[in-house]
PDB file of N, CA and C in Angstrom:
ATOM      1  N   MET A   1     -37.745 -71.131-176.983  1.00  0.00           N
ATOM      2  CA  MET A   1     -38.361 -69.943-175.863  1.00  0.00           C
ATOM      3  C   MET A   1     -38.574 -69.036-176.787  1.00  0.00           C
ATOM      4  N   LYS A   2     -39.766 -68.026-176.430  1.00  0.00           N
ATOM      5  CA  LYS A   2     -40.492 -66.940-177.369  1.00  0.00           C
ATOM      6  C   LYS A   2     -39.606 -65.519-176.317  1.00  0.00           C
ATOM      7  N   CYS A   3     -39.301 -64.799-177.279  1.00  0.00           N
ATOM      8  CA  CYS A   3     -39.135 -63.293-176.871  1.00  0.00           C
ATOM      9  C   CYS A   3     -40.212 -62.648-176.031  1.00  0.00           C
ATOM     10  N   GLN A   4     -39.795 -62.489-174.881  1.00  0.00           N
ATOM     11  CA  GLN A   4     -41.020 -61.686-173.829  1.00  0.00           C
ATOM     12  C   GLN A   4     -41.432 -60.450-174.388  1.00  0.00           C
ATOM     13  N   VAL A   5     -40.786 -59.502-175.470  1.00  0.00           N
ATOM     14  CA  VAL A   5     -41.461 -58.632-176.018  1.00  0.00           C
ATOM     15  C   VAL A   5     -42.095 -58.638-177.076  1.00  0.00           C
ATOM     16  N   CYS A   6     -41.884 -59.251-178.290  1.00  0.00           N
ATOM     17  CA  CYS A   6     -42.241 -59.579-179.594  1.00  0.00           C
ATOM     18  C   CYS A   6     -42.890 -60.828-179.865  1.00  0.00           C
ATOM     19  N   GLY A   7     -42.539 -61.729-179.136  1.00  0.00           N
ATOM     20  CA  GLY A   7     -43.345 -63.285-179.146  1.00  0.00           C
ATOM     21  C   GLY A   7     -42.317 -64.340-180.526  1.00  0.00           C
ATOM     22  N   ALA A   8     -41.114 -63.670-181.135  1.00  0.00           N
ATOM     23  CA  ALA A   8     -40.494 -63.925-181.678  1.00  0.00           C
ATOM     24  C   ALA A   8     -39.728 -65.275-180.892  1.00  0.00           C
ATOM     25  N   GLU A   9     -39.138 -66.407-181.978  1.00  0.00           N
ATOM     26  CA  GLU A   9     -38.519 -67.107-181.548  1.00  0.00           C
ATOM     27  C   GLU A   9     -36.906 -66.747-181.124  1.00  0.00           C
ATOM     28  N   SER A  10     -36.613 -67.283-179.730  1.00  0.00           N
ATOM     29  CA  SER A  10     -35.398 -66.486-179.062  1.00  0.00           C
ATOM     30  C   SER A  10     -34.425 -67.350-178.271  1.00  0.00           C
ATOM     31  N   GLY A  11     -34.702 -68.738-178.833  1.00  0.00           N
ATOM     32  CA  GLY A  11     -33.907 -69.626-178.613  1.00  0.00           C
ATOM     33  C   GLY A  11     -33.816 -69.830-177.203  1.00  0.00           C
ATOM     34  N   LYS A  12     -32.591 -69.785-176.356  1.00  0.00           N
ATOM     35  CA  LYS A  12     -32.840 -70.239-174.934  1.00  0.00           C
ATOM     36  C   LYS A  12     -32.876 -68.515-174.263  1.00  0.00           C
ATOM     37  N   TYR A  13     -32.902 -67.530-174.898  1.00  0.00           N
ATOM     38  CA  TYR A  13     -32.896 -66.214-174.171  1.00  0.00           C
ATOM     39  C   TYR A  13     -34.370 -65.601-174.084  1.00  0.00           C
ATOM     40  N   LEU A  14     -34.304 -64.573-172.909  1.00  0.00           N
ATOM     41  CA  LEU A  14     -35.605 -64.290-173.260  1.00  0.00           C
ATOM     42  C   LEU A  14     -36.031 -62.837-174.118  1.00  0.00           C
ATOM     43  N   LEU A  15     -34.948 -62.623-174.984  1.00  0.00           N
ATOM     44  CA  LEU A  15     -35.221 -61.791-175.738  1.00  0.00           C
ATOM     45  C   LEU A  15     -34.696 -62.142-176.851  1.00  0.00           C
ATOM     46  N   CYS A  16     -35.299 -61.858-178.414  1.00  0.00           N
ATOM     47  CA  CYS A  16     -34.802 -62.474-179.670  1.00  0.00           C
ATOM     48  C   CYS A  16     -33.469 -61.173-180.274  1.00  0.00           C
ATOM     49  N   GLN A  17     -32.732 -61.610-180.994  1.00  0.00           N
ATOM     50  CA  GLN A  17     -31.863 -60.582-181.238  1.00  0.00           C
ATOM     51  C   GLN A  17     -32.541 -59.346-181.656  1.00  0.00           C
ATOM     52  N   SER A  18     -33.254 -59.240-182.465  1.00  0.00           N
ATOM     53  CA  SER A  18     -33.980 -57.823-182.902  1.00  0.00           C
ATOM     54  C   SER A  18     -34.309 -57.110-181.312  1.00  0.00           C
ATOM     55  N   CYS A  19     -34.932 -57.511-180.134  1.00  0.00           N
ATOM     56  CA  CYS A  19     -35.249 -56.801-179.192  1.00  0.00           C
ATOM     57  C   CYS A  19     -33.803 -56.313-178.038  1.00  0.00           C
ATOM     58  N   ASN A  20     -32.923 -57.510-178.748  1.00  0.00           N
ATOM     59  CA  ASN A  20     -31.776 -57.545-177.468  1.00  0.00           C
ATOM     60  C   ASN A  20     -31.049 -55.948-177.940  1.00  0.00           C
ATOM     61  N   GLN A  21     -31.178 -56.027-179.425  1.00  0.00           N
ATOM     62  CA  GLN A  21     -30.607 -55.022-180.087  1.00  0.00           C
ATOM     63  C   GLN A  21     -30.975 -53.754-179.708  1.00  0.00           C
ATOM     64  N   LYS A  22     -32.597 -53.487-179.692  1.00  0.00           N
ATOM     65  CA  LYS A  22     -33.369 -52.493-178.969  1.00  0.00           C
ATOM     66  C   LYS A  22     -33.021 -52.025-177.452  1.00  0.00           C
ATOM     67  N   ARG A  23     -32.766 -53.335-176.683  1.00  0.00           N
ATOM     68  CA  ARG A  23     -32.520 -52.931-175.674  1.00  0.00           C
ATOM     69  C   ARG A  23     -31.201 -52.086-175.102  1.00  0.00           C
ATOM     70  N   GLU A  24     -30.258 -52.389-176.213  1.00  0.00           N
ATOM     71  CA  GLU A  24     -28.704 -51.745-176.014  1.00  0.00           C
ATOM     72  C   GLU A  24     -29.329 -50.459-176.256  1.00  0.00           C
ATOM     73  N   THR A  25     -29.957 -49.854-177.405  1.00  0.00           N
ATOM     74  CA  THR A  25     -30.462 -48.404-177.582  1.00  0.00           C
ATOM     75  C   THR A  25     -31.227 -47.842-176.894  1.00  0.00           C
ATOM     76  N   GLY A  26     -31.957 -48.385-175.721  1.00  0.00           N
ATOM     77  CA  GLY A  26     -32.739 -48.211-174.664  1.00  0.00           C
ATOM     78  C   GLY A  26     -34.363 -47.979-175.266  1.00  0.00           C
ATOM     79  N   GLU A  27     -34.384 -48.458-176.333  1.00  0.00           N
ATOM     80  CA  GLU A  27     -35.855 -48.992-176.608  1.00  0.00           C
ATOM     81  C   GLU A  27     -36.814 -49.900-175.982  1.00  0.00           C
ATOM     82  N   VAL A  28     -35.818 -51.015-175.538  1.00  0.00           N
ATOM     83  CA  VAL A  28     -36.263 -52.275-174.672  1.00  0.00           C
ATOM     84  C   VAL A  28     -35.574 -52.169-173.374  1.00  0.00           C
ATOM     85  N   ILE A  29     -36.592 -52.150-172.317  1.00  0.00           N
ATOM     86  CA  ILE A  29     -36.059 -51.996-170.693  1.00  0.00           C
ATOM     87  C   ILE A  29     -36.793 -53.338-170.041  1.00  0.00           C
ATOM     88  N   LYS A  30     -36.179 -53.489-168.747  1.00  0.00           N
ATOM     89  CA  LYS A  30     -36.634 -53.936-167.628  1.00  0.00           C
ATOM     90  C   LYS A  30     -37.621 -53.503-166.927  1.00  0.00           C
ATOM     91  N   CYS A  31     -38.971 -53.398-166.595  1.00  0.00           N
ATOM     92  CA  CYS A  31     -39.734 -52.830-166.080  1.00  0.00           C
ATOM     93  C   CYS A  31     -39.303 -52.646-164.673  1.00  0.00           C
ATOM     94  N   PRO A  32     -39.221 -51.836-164.034  1.00  0.00           N
ATOM     95  CA  PRO A  32     -39.207 -51.960-162.543  1.00  0.00           C
ATOM     96  C   PRO A  32     -40.315 -52.376-161.843  1.00  0.00           C
ATOM     97  N   LYS A  33     -41.570 -52.462-162.132  1.00  0.00           N
ATOM     98  CA  LYS A  33     -42.819 -52.912-161.588  1.00  0.00           C
ATOM     99  C   LYS A  33     -43.069 -53.893-162.107  1.00  0.00           C
ATOM    100  N   CYS A  34     -43.279 -54.362-163.059  1.00  0.00           N
ATOM    101  CA  CYS A  34     -43.609 -56.160-163.379  1.00  0.00           C
ATOM    102  C   CYS A  34     -42.432 -56.883-163.481  1.00  0.00           C
ATOM    103  N   HIS A  35     -41.065 -56.456-163.940  1.00  0.00           N
ATOM    104  CA  HIS A  35     -39.704 -56.857-163.803  1.00  0.00           C
ATOM    105  C   HIS A  35     -39.880 -57.732-164.884  1.00  0.00           C
ATOM    106  N   LYS A  36     -40.406 -57.211-165.633  1.00  0.00           N
ATOM    107  CA  LYS A  36     -40.543 -58.093-167.427  1.00  0.00           C
ATOM    108  C   LYS A  36     -40.075 -56.997-168.241  1.00  0.00           C
ATOM    109  N   TRP A  37     -39.236 -57.365-169.394  1.00  0.00           N
ATOM    110  CA  TRP A  37     -39.047 -57.112-170.627  1.00  0.00           C
ATOM    111  C   TRP A  37     -40.137 -56.176-171.215  1.00  0.00           C
ATOM    112  N   HIS A  38     -39.994 -55.345-171.662  1.00  0.00           N
ATOM    113  CA  HIS A  38     -40.925 -54.528-173.083  1.00  0.00           C
ATOM    114  C   HIS A  38     -40.914 -53.486-173.326  1.00  0.00           C
ATOM    115  N   LEU A  39     -41.443 -52.791-174.165  1.00  0.00           N
ATOM    116  CA  LEU A  39     -41.111 -51.603-174.909  1.00  0.00           C
ATOM    117  C   LEU A  39     -40.948 -50.163-173.730  1.00  0.00           C
ATOM    118  N   ALA A  40     -39.793 -49.395-173.916  1.00  0.00           N
ATOM    119  CA  ALA A  40     -39.684 -48.306-173.058  1.00  0.00           C
ATOM    120  C   ALA A  40     -41.105 -47.469-173.351  1.00  0.00           C
ATOM    121  N   GLY A  41     -41.705 -47.035-172.251  1.00  0.00           N
ATOM    122  CA  GLY A  41     -42.869 -46.201-172.337  1.00  0.00           C
ATOM    123  C   GLY A  41     -44.257 -46.931-172.061  1.00  0.00           C
ATOM    124  N   PHE A  42     -43.971 -48.462-171.938  1.00  0.00           N
ATOM    125  CA  PHE A  42     -45.103 -49.150-172.059  1.00  0.00           C
ATOM    126  C   PHE A  42     -45.848 -49.364-170.645  1.00  0.00           C
ATOM    127  N   ASP A  43     -47.033 -48.997-170.173  1.00  0.00           N
ATOM    128  CA  ASP A  43     -47.491 -49.011-168.910  1.00  0.00           C
ATOM    129  C   ASP A  43     -48.031 -50.636-168.680  1.00  0.00           C
ATOM    130  N   CYS A  44     -47.370 -51.079-167.832  1.00  0.00           N
ATOM    131  CA  CYS A  44     -47.998 -52.426-167.469  1.00  0.00           C
ATOM    132  C   CYS A  44     -49.230 -52.812-166.570  1.00  0.00           C
ATOM    133  N   SER A  45     -49.577 -51.629-165.963  1.00  0.00           N
ATOM    134  CA  SER A  45     -50.617 -51.924-165.017  1.00  0.00           C
ATOM    135  C   SER A  45     -51.971 -51.340-165.543  1.00  0.00           C
ATOM    136  N   ILE A  46     -51.832 -51.382-166.831  1.00  0.00           N
ATOM    137  CA  ILE A  46     -53.299 -50.853-167.717  1.00  0.00           C
ATOM    138  C   ILE A  46     -53.356 -51.437-168.822  1.00  0.00           C
ATOM    139  N   PRO A  47     -54.440 -52.159-169.082  1.00  0.00           N
ATOM    140  CA  PRO A  47     -54.911 -52.744-170.452  1.00  0.00           C
ATOM    141  C   PRO A  47     -54.598 -51.756-171.688  1.00  0.00           C
ATOM    142  N   GLN A  48     -53.681 -52.840-172.600  1.00  0.00           N
ATOM    143  CA  GLN A  48     -53.318 -52.070-173.668  1.00  0.00           C
ATOM    144  C   GLN A  48     -54.428 -52.266-174.991  1.00  0.00           C
ATOM    145  N   GLN A  49     -54.227 -51.824-175.959  1.00  0.00           N
ATOM    146  CA  GLN A  49     -54.663 -51.488-177.312  1.00  0.00           C
ATOM    147  C   GLN A  49     -54.125 -52.289-178.198  1.00  0.00           C
ATOM    148  N   SER A  50     -54.605 -53.450-179.084  1.00  0.00           N
ATOM    149  CA  SER A  50     -53.965 -54.258-179.831  1.00  0.00           C
ATOM    150  C   SER A  50     -54.158 -53.369-181.089  1.00  0.00           C
ATOM    151  N   ALA A  51     -53.569 -53.768-182.299  1.00  0.00           N
ATOM    152  CA  ALA A  51     -53.534 -53.053-183.631  1.00  0.00           C
ATOM    153  C   ALA A  51     -54.671 -53.183-184.008  1.00  0.00           C
ATOM    154  N   SER A  52     -56.225 -53.810-183.517  1.00  0.00           N
ATOM    155  CA  SER A  52     -57.281 -54.226-184.360  1.00  0.00           C
ATOM    156  C   SER A  52     -58.351 -52.911-183.377  1.00  0.00           C
ATOM    157  N   GLY A  53     -57.300 -52.423-182.112  1.00  0.00           N
ATOM    158  CA  GLY A  53     -58.189 -51.683-181.388  1.00  0.00           C
ATOM    159  C   GLY A  53     -59.190 -52.431-180.495  1.00  0.00           C
ATOM    160  N   THR A  54     -58.830 -53.592-180.016  1.00  0.00           N
ATOM    161  CA  THR A  54     -59.709 -53.968-179.023  1.00  0.00           C
ATOM    162  C   THR A  54     -58.443 -54.303-177.948  1.00  0.00           C
ATOM    163  N   GLU A  55     -58.866 -54.233-176.436  1.00  0.00           N
ATOM    164  CA  GLU A  55     -57.926 -54.302-175.616  1.00  0.00           C
ATOM    165  C   GLU A  55     -56.960 -55.614-175.514  1.00  0.00           C
ATOM    166  N   PHE A  56     -55.869 -55.690-175.133  1.00  0.00           N
ATOM    167  CA  PHE A  56     -54.977 -56.404-175.179  1.00  0.00           C
ATOM    168  C   PHE A  56     -54.622 -56.774-173.956  1.00  0.00           C
ATOM    169  N   TYR A  57     -54.900 -57.664-173.234  1.00  0.00           N
ATOM    170  CA  TYR A  57     -54.785 -58.626-171.844  1.00  0.00           C
ATOM    171  C   TYR A  57     -53.633 -59.347-171.874  1.00  0.00           C
ATOM    172  N   LEU A  58     -52.765 -59.727-170.794  1.00  0.00           N
ATOM    173  CA  LEU A  58     -51.898 -60.824-170.991  1.00  0.00           C
ATOM    174  C   LEU A  58     -52.642 -62.137-170.883  1.00  0.00           C
ATOM    175  N   TYR A  59     -53.931 -62.142-170.351  1.00  0.00           N
ATOM    176  CA  TYR A  59     -54.275 -63.736-170.010  1.00  0.00           C
ATOM    177  C   TYR A  59     -56.108 -63.876-170.793  1.00  0.00           C
ATOM    178  N   GLU A  60     -56.539 -64.527-171.319  1.00  0.00           N
ATOM    179  CA  GLU A  60     -57.541 -64.951-171.924  1.00  0.00           C
ATOM    180  C   GLU A  60     -57.946 -66.563-171.190  1.00  0.00           C
ATOM    181  N   ALA A  61     -59.473 -66.082-171.461  1.00  0.00           N
ATOM    182  CA  ALA A  61     -60.056 -67.690-170.772  1.00  0.00           C
ATOM    183  C   ALA A  61     -59.986 -68.799-171.815  1.00  0.00           C
ATOM    184  N   LYS A  62     -59.833 -70.116-171.490  1.00  0.00           N
ATOM    185  CA  LYS A  62     -59.318 -71.152-172.048  1.00  0.00           C
ATOM    186  C   LYS A  62     -61.278 -71.341-172.678  1.00  0.00           C
ATOM    187  N   ILE A  63     -60.892 -72.174-173.721  1.00  0.00           N
ATOM    188  CA  ILE A  63     -62.211 -72.524-174.417  1.00  0.00           C
ATOM    189  C   ILE A  63     -62.737 -73.845-173.534  1.00  0.00           C
ATOM    190  N   SER A  64     -62.208 -74.213-172.905  1.00  0.00           N
ATOM    191  CA  SER A  64     -62.942 -75.681-172.150  1.00  0.00           C
ATOM    192  C   SER A  64     -61.848 -76.186-171.009  1.00  0.00           C
ATOM    193  N   LEU A  65     -62.697 -76.560-169.851  1.00  0.00           N
ATOM    194  CA  LEU A  65     -61.919 -76.722-168.543  1.00  0.00           C
ATOM    195  C   LEU A  65     -61.253 -77.885-168.628  1.00  0.00           C
ATOM    196  N   LEU A  66     -61.699 -79.003-169.342  1.00  0.00           N
ATOM    197  CA  LEU A  66     -61.217 -80.288-169.477  1.00  0.00           C
ATOM    198  C   LEU A  66     -60.707 -80.386-170.911  1.00  0.00           C
ATOM    199  N   THR A  67     -59.548 -81.412-171.012  1.00  0.00           N
ATOM    200  CA  THR A  67     -59.113 -82.077-172.158  1.00  0.00           C
ATOM    201  C   THR A  67     -60.203 -82.728-172.893  1.00  0.00           C
ATOM    202  N   HIS A  68     -60.096 -83.019-174.099  1.00  0.00           N
ATOM    203  CA  HIS A  68     -60.827 -84.168-175.102  1.00  0.00           C
ATOM    204  C   HIS A  68     -61.338 -85.735-174.341  1.00  0.00           C
ATOM    205  N   ASN A  69     -59.897 -86.247-173.804  1.00  0.00           N
ATOM    206  CA  ASN A  69     -59.669 -87.300-173.422  1.00  0.00           C
ATOM    207  C   ASN A  69     -60.874 -87.214-171.860  1.00  0.00           C
ATOM    208  N   GLU A  70     -60.524 -86.085-171.072  1.00  0.00           N
ATOM    209  CA  GLU A  70     -60.870 -86.094-169.727  1.00  0.00           C
ATOM    210  C   GLU A  70     -62.746 -85.703-169.516  1.00  0.00           C
ATOM    211  N   LEU A  71     -63.353 -85.223-170.706  1.00  0.00           N
ATOM    212  CA  LEU A  71     -64.128 -85.207-170.823  1.00  0.00           C
ATOM    213  C   LEU A  71     -65.142 -86.163-171.323  1.00  0.00           C
ATOM    214  N   LYS A  72     -64.390 -86.839-172.126  1.00  0.00           N
ATOM    215  CA  LYS A  72     -65.013 -88.346-172.346  1.00  0.00           C
ATOM    216  C   LYS A  72     -65.391 -89.160-171.356  1.00  0.00           C
ATOM    217  N   TYR A  73     -64.310 -88.899-170.404  1.00  0.00           N
ATOM    218  CA  TYR A  73     -64.295 -89.403-169.209  1.00  0.00           C
ATOM    219  C   TYR A  73     -65.077 -89.298-168.287  1.00  0.00           C
ATOM    220  N   PHE A  74     -65.329 -88.068-167.870  1.00  0.00           N
ATOM    221  CA  PHE A  74     -66.225 -87.319-167.359  1.00  0.00           C
ATOM    222  C   PHE A  74     -67.838 -87.746-167.626  1.00  0.00           C
ATOM    223  N   ASN A  75     -67.985 -87.316-169.237  1.00  0.00           N
ATOM    224  CA  ASN A  75     -69.497 -87.995-169.365  1.00  0.00           C
ATOM    225  C   ASN A  75     -69.725 -89.428-169.305  1.00  0.00           C
ATOM    226  N   CYS A  76     -68.933 -90.205-169.511  1.00  0.00           N
ATOM    227  CA  CYS A  76     -68.721 -91.638-168.886  1.00  0.00           C
ATOM    228  C   CYS A  76     -69.315 -91.933-167.677  1.00  0.00           C
ATOM    229  N   ILE A  77     -69.020 -91.158-166.819  1.00  0.00           N
ATOM    230  CA  ILE A  77     -68.985 -91.337-165.051  1.00  0.00           C
ATOM    231  C   ILE A  77     -70.272 -90.714-165.116  1.00  0.00           C
ATOM    232  N   LYS A  78     -70.981 -89.592-165.741  1.00  0.00           N
ATOM    233  CA  LYS A  78     -72.240 -88.808-165.551  1.00  0.00           C
ATOM    234  C   LYS A  78     -73.174 -90.298-166.530  1.00  0.00           C
ATOM    235  N   SER A  79     -72.978 -90.818-167.241  1.00  0.00           N
ATOM    236  CA  SER A  79     -73.780 -91.741-167.993  1.00  0.00           C
ATOM    237  C   SER A  79     -74.222 -92.751-167.035  1.00  0.00           C
ATOM    238  N   VAL A  80     -73.479 -93.295-165.927  1.00  0.00           N
ATOM    239  CA  VAL A  80     -73.873 -94.738-165.277  1.00  0.00           C
ATOM    240  C   VAL A  80     -74.168 -94.088-163.945  1.00  0.00           C
ATOM    241  N   LEU A  81     -74.307 -92.729-163.434  1.00  0.00           N
ATOM    242  CA  LEU A  81     -74.733 -92.536-161.968  1.00  0.00           C
ATOM    243  C   LEU A  81     -75.892 -92.453-161.937  1.00  0.00           C
ATOM    244  N   PRO A  82     -76.554 -92.789-160.992  1.00  0.00           N
ATOM    245  CA  PRO A  82     -78.244 -93.016-160.754  1.00  0.00           C
ATOM    246  C   PRO A  82     -78.668 -91.379-160.673  1.00  0.00           C
ATOM    247  N   ASP A  83     -79.762 -90.742-161.087  1.00  0.00           N
ATOM    248  CA  ASP A  83     -80.606 -89.595-160.819  1.00  0.00           C
ATOM    249  C   ASP A  83     -80.143 -89.421-159.438  1.00  0.00           C
ATOM    250  N   GLY A  84     -80.187 -87.960-159.599  1.00  0.00           N
ATOM    251  CA  GLY A  84     -79.880 -87.037-158.105  1.00  0.00           C
ATOM    252  C   GLY A  84     -78.261 -87.028-157.908  1.00  0.00           C
ATOM    253  N   TYR A  85     -77.422 -87.358-158.524  1.00  0.00           N
ATOM    254  CA  TYR A  85     -76.122 -87.433-158.407  1.00  0.00           C
ATOM    255  C   TYR A  85     -75.640 -86.452-159.122  1.00  0.00           C
ATOM    256  N   LEU A  86     -74.378 -85.603-158.743  1.00  0.00           N
ATOM    257  CA  LEU A  86     -74.223 -84.600-159.468  1.00  0.00           C
ATOM    258  C   LEU A  86     -72.628 -84.648-159.412  1.00  0.00           C
ATOM    259  N   VAL A  87     -71.782 -85.007-160.769  1.00  0.00           N
ATOM    260  CA  VAL A  87     -70.455 -84.947-160.433  1.00  0.00           C
ATOM    261  C   VAL A  87     -69.873 -83.776-161.116  1.00  0.00           C
ATOM    262  N   GLN A  88     -68.708 -83.248-160.396  1.00  0.00           N
ATOM    263  CA  GLN A  88     -68.021 -81.757-161.056  1.00  0.00           C
ATOM    264  C   GLN A  88     -66.675 -81.858-161.196  1.00  0.00           C
ATOM    265  N   ALA A  89     -65.877 -81.400-162.044  1.00  0.00           N
ATOM    266  CA  ALA A  89     -64.514 -81.771-162.570  1.00  0.00           C
ATOM    267  C   ALA A  89     -63.922 -80.869-161.018  1.00  0.00           C
ATOM    268  N   GLN A  90     -62.528 -81.471-160.506  1.00  0.00           N
ATOM    269  CA  GLN A  90     -62.066 -80.446-159.902  1.00  0.00           C
ATOM    270  C   GLN A  90     -61.045 -79.677-160.748  1.00  0.00           C
ATOM    271  N   VAL A  91     -60.741 -78.551-160.615  1.00  0.00           N
ATOM    272  CA  VAL A  91     -60.074 -77.410-161.626  1.00  0.00           C
ATOM    273  C   VAL A  91     -59.685 -76.548-160.759  1.00  0.00           C
ATOM    274  N   ASN A  92     -58.279 -75.808-161.347  1.00  0.00           N
ATOM    275  CA  ASN A  92     -57.478 -75.119-160.244  1.00  0.00           C
ATOM    276  C   ASN A  92     -57.663 -73.666-161.340  1.00  0.00           C
ATOM    277  N   LEU A  93     -57.166 -72.384-160.826  1.00  0.00           N
ATOM    278  CA  LEU A  93     -57.443 -71.269-161.416  1.00  0.00           C
ATOM    279  C   LEU A  93     -57.008 -71.317-163.094  1.00  0.00           C
ATOM    280  N   ALA A  94     -55.596 -72.001-163.158  1.00  0.00           N
ATOM    281  CA  ALA A  94     -54.827 -72.106-164.381  1.00  0.00           C
ATOM    282  C   ALA A  94     -55.729 -72.883-165.433  1.00  0.00           C
ATOM    283  N   SER A  95     -56.516 -73.533-164.875  1.00  0.00           N
ATOM    284  CA  SER A  95     -57.443 -74.146-165.714  1.00  0.00           C
ATOM    285  C   SER A  95     -58.960 -73.141-166.453  1.00  0.00           C
ATOM    286  N   PHE A  96     -59.022 -72.164-165.980  1.00  0.00           N
ATOM    287  CA  PHE A  96     -59.684 -71.102-166.374  1.00  0.00           C
ATOM    288  C   PHE A  96     -59.033 -69.995-167.168  1.00  0.00           C
ATOM    289  N   ILE A  97     -57.438 -69.683-167.223  1.00  0.00           N
ATOM    290  CA  ILE A  97     -57.182 -68.589-167.735  1.00  0.00           C
ATOM    291  C   ILE A  97     -55.574 -69.601-168.679  1.00  0.00           C
ATOM    292  N   LYS A  98     -55.503 -68.409-169.402  1.00  0.00           N
ATOM    293  CA  LYS A  98     -53.889 -69.024-169.968  1.00  0.00           C
ATOM    294  C   LYS A  98     -53.319 -67.897-170.563  1.00  0.00           C
ATOM    295  N   LYS A  99     -51.987 -67.646-170.087  1.00  0.00           N
ATOM    296  CA  LYS A  99     -51.359 -66.302-170.615  1.00  0.00           C
ATOM    297  C   LYS A  99     -51.038 -66.543-171.781  1.00  0.00           C
ATOM    298  N   LYS A 100     -51.335 -64.994-172.629  1.00  0.00           N
ATOM    299  CA  LYS A 100     -51.131 -64.773-174.122  1.00  0.00           C
ATOM    300  C   LYS A 100     -49.905 -64.983-174.243  1.00  0.00           C
TER     301      LYS A 100
END
């Protein structure tokens, strides 16, 4: 499992050892708004800035809606259909975005 605060390996725990120590000193808190662990003073309601100065979001767009095998199968189906037919992949919202 990854630490909810820093992303480091945390075994079976939500926080790594370092962030757990910060929790004991009050530097890491469980947010009353989002109910997740993060640094004290972190405002989870607004987009955050990364070290590079770009905005940091919890989610990002996926590169493709289909896996490599699904795409090959999809193209195979399209190649045998007569003109005028349209095939679309059925996808849900989780196919468009992934949690960072």
